[in-house]
């Protein structure tokens, strides 16, 4: 299954919910969401800085990950940024492909 990195930032509303429920309940809610989309959570961490949490998931496909992202963002309690993760083997395959390209000004 493809992997995705999800960066989570809580809005003021989301932070209030976090204070009320705590981190474990939010992890459980995230797990239920990802399972309903056919995926699993590989790792879940709260962070300091630009994001409030970082989650790595396995999802059946890109559309499933997009569906989860839209549902989360529509809540208004959080915003997310979802990034597909590329394996070393996928990068090797991409590097072997014969693609034509001309650099600007070349």
N, C-alpha and C. Protein backbone atom coordinates (compact mmCIF):
# COMPACT_ATOMS: atom_id res chain seq x y z
N UNK A 1 0.83 -1.19 0.00
CA UNK A 1 0.00 0.00 0.00
C UNK A 1 0.87 1.24 0.00
N UNK A 2 0.46 2.26 -0.72
CA UNK A 2 1.21 3.52 -0.70
C UNK A 2 1.20 4.15 0.70
N UNK A 3 2.28 4.87 1.00
CA UNK A 3 2.40 5.57 2.28
C UNK A 3 2.24 7.06 2.06
N UNK A 4 1.70 7.74 3.06
CA UNK A 4 1.49 9.17 3.00
C UNK A 4 1.89 9.79 4.34
N UNK A 5 2.52 10.95 4.26
CA UNK A 5 2.85 11.75 5.43
C UNK A 5 1.77 12.82 5.57
N UNK A 6 1.13 12.87 6.72
CA UNK A 6 0.09 13.87 6.97
C UNK A 6 0.59 14.79 8.07
N UNK A 7 0.68 16.08 7.75
CA UNK A 7 1.02 17.10 8.74
C UNK A 7 -0.29 17.73 9.19
N UNK A 8 -0.49 17.76 10.50
CA UNK A 8 -1.74 18.23 11.08
C UNK A 8 -1.49 19.51 11.87
N UNK A 9 -2.33 20.51 11.64
CA UNK A 9 -2.30 21.74 12.43
C UNK A 9 -3.70 21.99 12.99
N UNK A 10 -3.79 22.13 14.31
CA UNK A 10 -5.07 22.37 14.95
C UNK A 10 -5.47 23.84 14.86
N UNK A 11 -6.74 24.10 14.58
CA UNK A 11 -7.28 25.45 14.69
C UNK A 11 -7.55 25.70 16.17
N UNK A 12 -8.00 26.90 16.51
CA UNK A 12 -8.35 27.19 17.91
C UNK A 12 -9.43 26.22 18.39
N UNK A 13 -10.40 25.96 17.52
CA UNK A 13 -11.47 25.00 17.86
C UNK A 13 -10.89 23.61 18.11
N UNK A 14 -9.97 23.18 17.26
CA UNK A 14 -9.35 21.88 17.43
C UNK A 14 -8.51 21.79 18.69
N UNK A 15 -7.79 22.87 19.00
CA UNK A 15 -6.97 22.89 20.22
C UNK A 15 -7.86 22.80 21.46
N UNK A 16 -9.03 23.45 21.42
CA UNK A 16 -9.96 23.35 22.55
C UNK A 16 -10.45 21.91 22.72
N UNK A 17 -10.73 21.25 21.61
CA UNK A 17 -11.13 19.85 21.66
C UNK A 17 -10.01 18.97 22.20
N UNK A 18 -8.77 19.28 21.81
CA UNK A 18 -7.62 18.52 22.30
C UNK A 18 -7.50 18.67 23.82
N UNK A 19 -7.65 19.89 24.32
CA UNK A 19 -7.58 20.11 25.77
C UNK A 19 -8.66 19.33 26.51
N UNK A 20 -9.83 19.25 25.89
CA UNK A 20 -10.96 18.55 26.51
C UNK A 20 -10.77 17.03 26.49
N UNK A 21 -10.33 16.48 25.34
CA UNK A 21 -10.27 15.03 25.15
C UNK A 21 -8.91 14.41 25.42
N UNK A 22 -7.84 15.18 25.21
CA UNK A 22 -6.50 14.63 25.36
C UNK A 22 -6.01 13.98 24.07
N UNK A 23 -4.72 13.67 24.06
CA UNK A 23 -4.06 13.13 22.88
C UNK A 23 -4.50 11.73 22.49
N UNK A 24 -4.76 10.87 23.47
CA UNK A 24 -5.13 9.49 23.17
C UNK A 24 -6.44 9.42 22.40
N UNK A 25 -7.41 10.22 22.79
CA UNK A 25 -8.71 10.22 22.09
C UNK A 25 -8.57 10.69 20.66
N UNK A 26 -7.69 11.68 20.42
CA UNK A 26 -7.49 12.15 19.05
C UNK A 26 -6.80 11.09 18.21
N UNK A 27 -5.85 10.37 18.80
CA UNK A 27 -5.19 9.26 18.08
C UNK A 27 -6.23 8.19 17.73
N UNK A 28 -7.12 7.89 18.66
CA UNK A 28 -8.16 6.89 18.40
C UNK A 28 -9.09 7.36 17.27
N UNK A 29 -9.42 8.66 17.25
CA UNK A 29 -10.27 9.19 16.18
C UNK A 29 -9.55 9.11 14.83
N UNK A 30 -8.26 9.41 14.83
CA UNK A 30 -7.47 9.31 13.59
C UNK A 30 -7.42 7.87 13.10
N UNK A 31 -7.24 6.94 14.04
CA UNK A 31 -7.17 5.52 13.68
C UNK A 31 -8.50 5.07 13.07
N UNK A 32 -9.61 5.50 13.65
CA UNK A 32 -10.93 5.13 13.11
C UNK A 32 -11.13 5.69 11.71
N UNK A 33 -10.71 6.94 11.50
CA UNK A 33 -10.83 7.56 10.18
C UNK A 33 -10.03 6.78 9.14
N UNK A 34 -8.76 6.50 9.45
CA UNK A 34 -7.89 5.83 8.49
C UNK A 34 -8.40 4.41 8.20
N UNK A 35 -8.85 3.70 9.24
CA UNK A 35 -9.41 2.36 9.03
C UNK A 35 -10.65 2.42 8.14
N UNK A 36 -11.49 3.45 8.32
CA UNK A 36 -12.70 3.55 7.50
C UNK A 36 -12.35 3.79 6.04
N UNK A 37 -11.15 4.32 5.78
CA UNK A 37 -10.69 4.51 4.41
C UNK A 37 -9.88 3.35 3.89
N UNK A 38 -9.84 2.25 4.65
CA UNK A 38 -9.13 1.05 4.21
C UNK A 38 -7.65 1.05 4.52
N UNK A 39 -7.18 1.98 5.36
CA UNK A 39 -5.76 2.08 5.65
C UNK A 39 -5.41 1.78 7.09
N UNK A 40 -4.14 1.99 7.40
CA UNK A 40 -3.64 1.81 8.76
C UNK A 40 -2.67 2.94 9.08
N UNK A 41 -2.55 3.25 10.37
CA UNK A 41 -1.58 4.23 10.82
C UNK A 41 -0.28 3.51 11.14
N UNK A 42 0.79 3.95 10.52
CA UNK A 42 2.12 3.39 10.82
C UNK A 42 2.71 4.08 12.05
N UNK A 43 2.60 5.41 12.10
CA UNK A 43 3.11 6.15 13.25
C UNK A 43 2.33 7.45 13.42
N UNK A 44 2.27 7.92 14.67
CA UNK A 44 1.53 9.12 15.02
C UNK A 44 2.31 9.81 16.13
N UNK A 45 2.71 11.06 15.87
CA UNK A 45 3.47 11.82 16.85
C UNK A 45 2.91 13.23 16.95
N UNK A 46 2.85 13.74 18.17
CA UNK A 46 2.58 15.17 18.36
C UNK A 46 3.92 15.89 18.25
N UNK A 47 3.89 17.11 17.73
CA UNK A 47 5.12 17.84 17.47
C UNK A 47 5.00 19.29 17.93
N UNK A 48 6.14 19.95 17.97
CA UNK A 48 6.20 21.39 18.19
C UNK A 48 6.68 22.01 16.89
N UNK A 49 6.24 23.21 16.59
CA UNK A 49 6.71 23.87 15.37
C UNK A 49 5.57 24.13 14.41
N UNK A 50 5.85 23.96 13.12
CA UNK A 50 4.87 24.27 12.08
C UNK A 50 3.64 23.38 12.14
N UNK A 51 3.80 22.16 12.56
CA UNK A 51 2.69 21.21 12.65
C UNK A 51 2.49 20.80 14.10
N UNK A 52 1.25 20.44 14.42
CA UNK A 52 0.93 19.98 15.77
C UNK A 52 1.04 18.46 15.89
N UNK A 53 0.94 17.78 14.75
CA UNK A 53 1.08 16.32 14.73
C UNK A 53 1.58 15.89 13.36
N UNK A 54 2.26 14.76 13.36
CA UNK A 54 2.75 14.12 12.13
C UNK A 54 2.24 12.69 12.15
N UNK A 55 1.60 12.28 11.05
CA UNK A 55 1.04 10.94 10.97
C UNK A 55 1.51 10.31 9.67
N UNK A 56 1.99 9.07 9.74
CA UNK A 56 2.33 8.32 8.52
C UNK A 56 1.31 7.19 8.42
N UNK A 57 0.65 7.14 7.26
CA UNK A 57 -0.38 6.13 7.05
C UNK A 57 -0.07 5.28 5.83
N UNK A 58 -0.63 4.09 5.81
CA UNK A 58 -0.70 3.25 4.62
C UNK A 58 -2.15 3.37 4.15
N UNK A 59 -2.34 3.72 2.88
CA UNK A 59 -3.68 3.84 2.31
C UNK A 59 -3.75 3.00 1.05
N UNK A 60 -4.94 2.52 0.71
CA UNK A 60 -5.06 1.68 -0.48
C UNK A 60 -4.60 2.37 -1.76
N UNK A 61 -4.83 3.68 -1.85
CA UNK A 61 -4.50 4.41 -3.07
C UNK A 61 -4.58 5.91 -2.80
N UNK A 62 -4.22 6.70 -3.80
CA UNK A 62 -4.22 8.15 -3.68
C UNK A 62 -5.62 8.70 -3.39
N UNK A 63 -6.63 8.17 -4.06
CA UNK A 63 -7.99 8.67 -3.87
C UNK A 63 -8.46 8.44 -2.43
N UNK A 64 -8.11 7.32 -1.84
CA UNK A 64 -8.46 7.06 -0.44
C UNK A 64 -7.81 8.09 0.48
N UNK A 65 -6.53 8.39 0.25
CA UNK A 65 -5.84 9.39 1.06
C UNK A 65 -6.46 10.76 0.87
N UNK A 66 -6.82 11.11 -0.36
CA UNK A 66 -7.48 12.38 -0.62
C UNK A 66 -8.83 12.47 0.09
N UNK A 67 -9.57 11.39 0.07
CA UNK A 67 -10.86 11.35 0.74
C UNK A 67 -10.72 11.63 2.23
N UNK A 68 -9.71 11.02 2.86
CA UNK A 68 -9.46 11.26 4.28
C UNK A 68 -9.10 12.71 4.52
N UNK A 69 -8.24 13.26 3.67
CA UNK A 69 -7.80 14.64 3.81
C UNK A 69 -8.97 15.62 3.72
N UNK A 70 -9.84 15.41 2.74
CA UNK A 70 -11.00 16.30 2.57
C UNK A 70 -11.91 16.22 3.79
N UNK A 71 -12.14 15.03 4.28
CA UNK A 71 -13.03 14.85 5.44
C UNK A 71 -12.44 15.56 6.66
N UNK A 72 -11.15 15.42 6.89
CA UNK A 72 -10.50 16.06 8.04
C UNK A 72 -10.58 17.58 7.91
N UNK A 73 -10.18 18.11 6.76
CA UNK A 73 -10.15 19.55 6.57
C UNK A 73 -11.54 20.17 6.63
N UNK A 74 -12.56 19.44 6.21
CA UNK A 74 -13.93 19.95 6.23
C UNK A 74 -14.45 20.14 7.65
N UNK A 75 -13.81 19.51 8.63
CA UNK A 75 -14.28 19.63 10.02
C UNK A 75 -14.07 21.04 10.57
N UNK A 76 -13.09 21.75 10.03
CA UNK A 76 -12.77 23.07 10.55
C UNK A 76 -11.93 23.06 11.82
N UNK A 77 -11.71 21.89 12.39
CA UNK A 77 -10.93 21.77 13.63
C UNK A 77 -9.44 21.61 13.37
N UNK A 78 -9.11 21.17 12.18
CA UNK A 78 -7.71 20.99 11.82
C UNK A 78 -7.52 21.32 10.34
N UNK A 79 -6.29 21.58 9.96
CA UNK A 79 -5.92 21.62 8.56
C UNK A 79 -4.80 20.59 8.38
N UNK A 80 -4.76 20.00 7.21
CA UNK A 80 -3.74 18.99 6.95
C UNK A 80 -3.01 19.28 5.65
N UNK A 81 -1.83 18.72 5.57
CA UNK A 81 -1.05 18.70 4.34
C UNK A 81 -0.63 17.24 4.15
N UNK A 82 -1.02 16.66 3.03
CA UNK A 82 -0.75 15.24 2.78
C UNK A 82 0.27 15.10 1.67
N UNK A 83 1.33 14.34 1.94
CA UNK A 83 2.43 14.15 0.99
C UNK A 83 2.61 12.66 0.70
N UNK A 84 2.54 12.25 -0.57
CA UNK A 84 2.85 10.86 -0.89
C UNK A 84 4.33 10.58 -0.59
N UNK A 85 4.61 9.43 -0.02
CA UNK A 85 5.99 9.03 0.27
C UNK A 85 6.45 8.04 -0.78
N UNK A 86 7.67 8.23 -1.26
CA UNK A 86 8.23 7.44 -2.35
C UNK A 86 9.29 6.50 -1.78
N UNK A 87 9.20 5.22 -2.13
CA UNK A 87 10.21 4.26 -1.66
C UNK A 87 11.50 4.41 -2.45
N UNK A 88 12.57 3.86 -1.93
CA UNK A 88 13.85 3.86 -2.62
C UNK A 88 13.72 3.13 -3.95
N UNK A 89 13.00 2.03 -3.96
CA UNK A 89 12.82 1.25 -5.18
C UNK A 89 12.04 2.04 -6.24
N UNK A 90 11.03 2.79 -5.82
CA UNK A 90 10.28 3.60 -6.76
C UNK A 90 11.16 4.70 -7.35
N UNK A 91 12.02 5.29 -6.51
CA UNK A 91 12.95 6.31 -7.01
C UNK A 91 13.93 5.69 -8.01
N UNK A 92 14.43 4.49 -7.71
CA UNK A 92 15.32 3.80 -8.64
C UNK A 92 14.64 3.59 -9.99
N UNK A 93 13.38 3.15 -9.96
CA UNK A 93 12.64 2.93 -11.20
C UNK A 93 12.46 4.24 -11.96
N UNK A 94 12.14 5.31 -11.25
CA UNK A 94 11.97 6.61 -11.90
C UNK A 94 13.26 7.07 -12.56
N UNK A 95 14.39 6.83 -11.91
CA UNK A 95 15.69 7.25 -12.45
C UNK A 95 16.06 6.45 -13.70
N UNK A 96 15.58 5.23 -13.81
CA UNK A 96 15.90 4.38 -14.98
C UNK A 96 15.07 4.74 -16.21
N UNK A 97 13.97 5.42 -16.03
CA UNK A 97 13.10 5.74 -17.18
C UNK A 97 13.76 6.79 -18.06
N UNK A 98 13.59 6.61 -19.36
CA UNK A 98 14.20 7.50 -20.35
C UNK A 98 13.21 8.62 -20.67
N UNK A 99 13.37 9.74 -19.99
CA UNK A 99 12.48 10.89 -20.16
C UNK A 99 13.27 12.02 -20.80
N UNK A 100 12.69 12.67 -21.81
CA UNK A 100 13.37 13.79 -22.48
C UNK A 100 13.10 15.09 -21.73
N UNK A 101 14.15 15.93 -21.62
CA UNK A 101 14.01 17.21 -20.95
C UNK A 101 15.06 18.16 -21.47
N UNK A 102 14.66 19.42 -21.70
CA UNK A 102 15.59 20.45 -22.09
C UNK A 102 15.54 21.52 -21.00
N UNK A 103 16.68 21.82 -20.40
CA UNK A 103 16.77 22.85 -19.36
C UNK A 103 16.51 24.22 -19.95
N UNK A 104 15.98 25.16 -19.17
CA UNK A 104 15.76 26.51 -19.68
C UNK A 104 17.07 27.11 -20.20
N UNK A 105 17.01 27.70 -21.39
CA UNK A 105 18.18 28.34 -21.98
C UNK A 105 19.18 27.39 -22.61
N UNK A 106 18.91 26.10 -22.55
CA UNK A 106 19.88 25.14 -23.12
C UNK A 106 19.62 24.93 -24.60
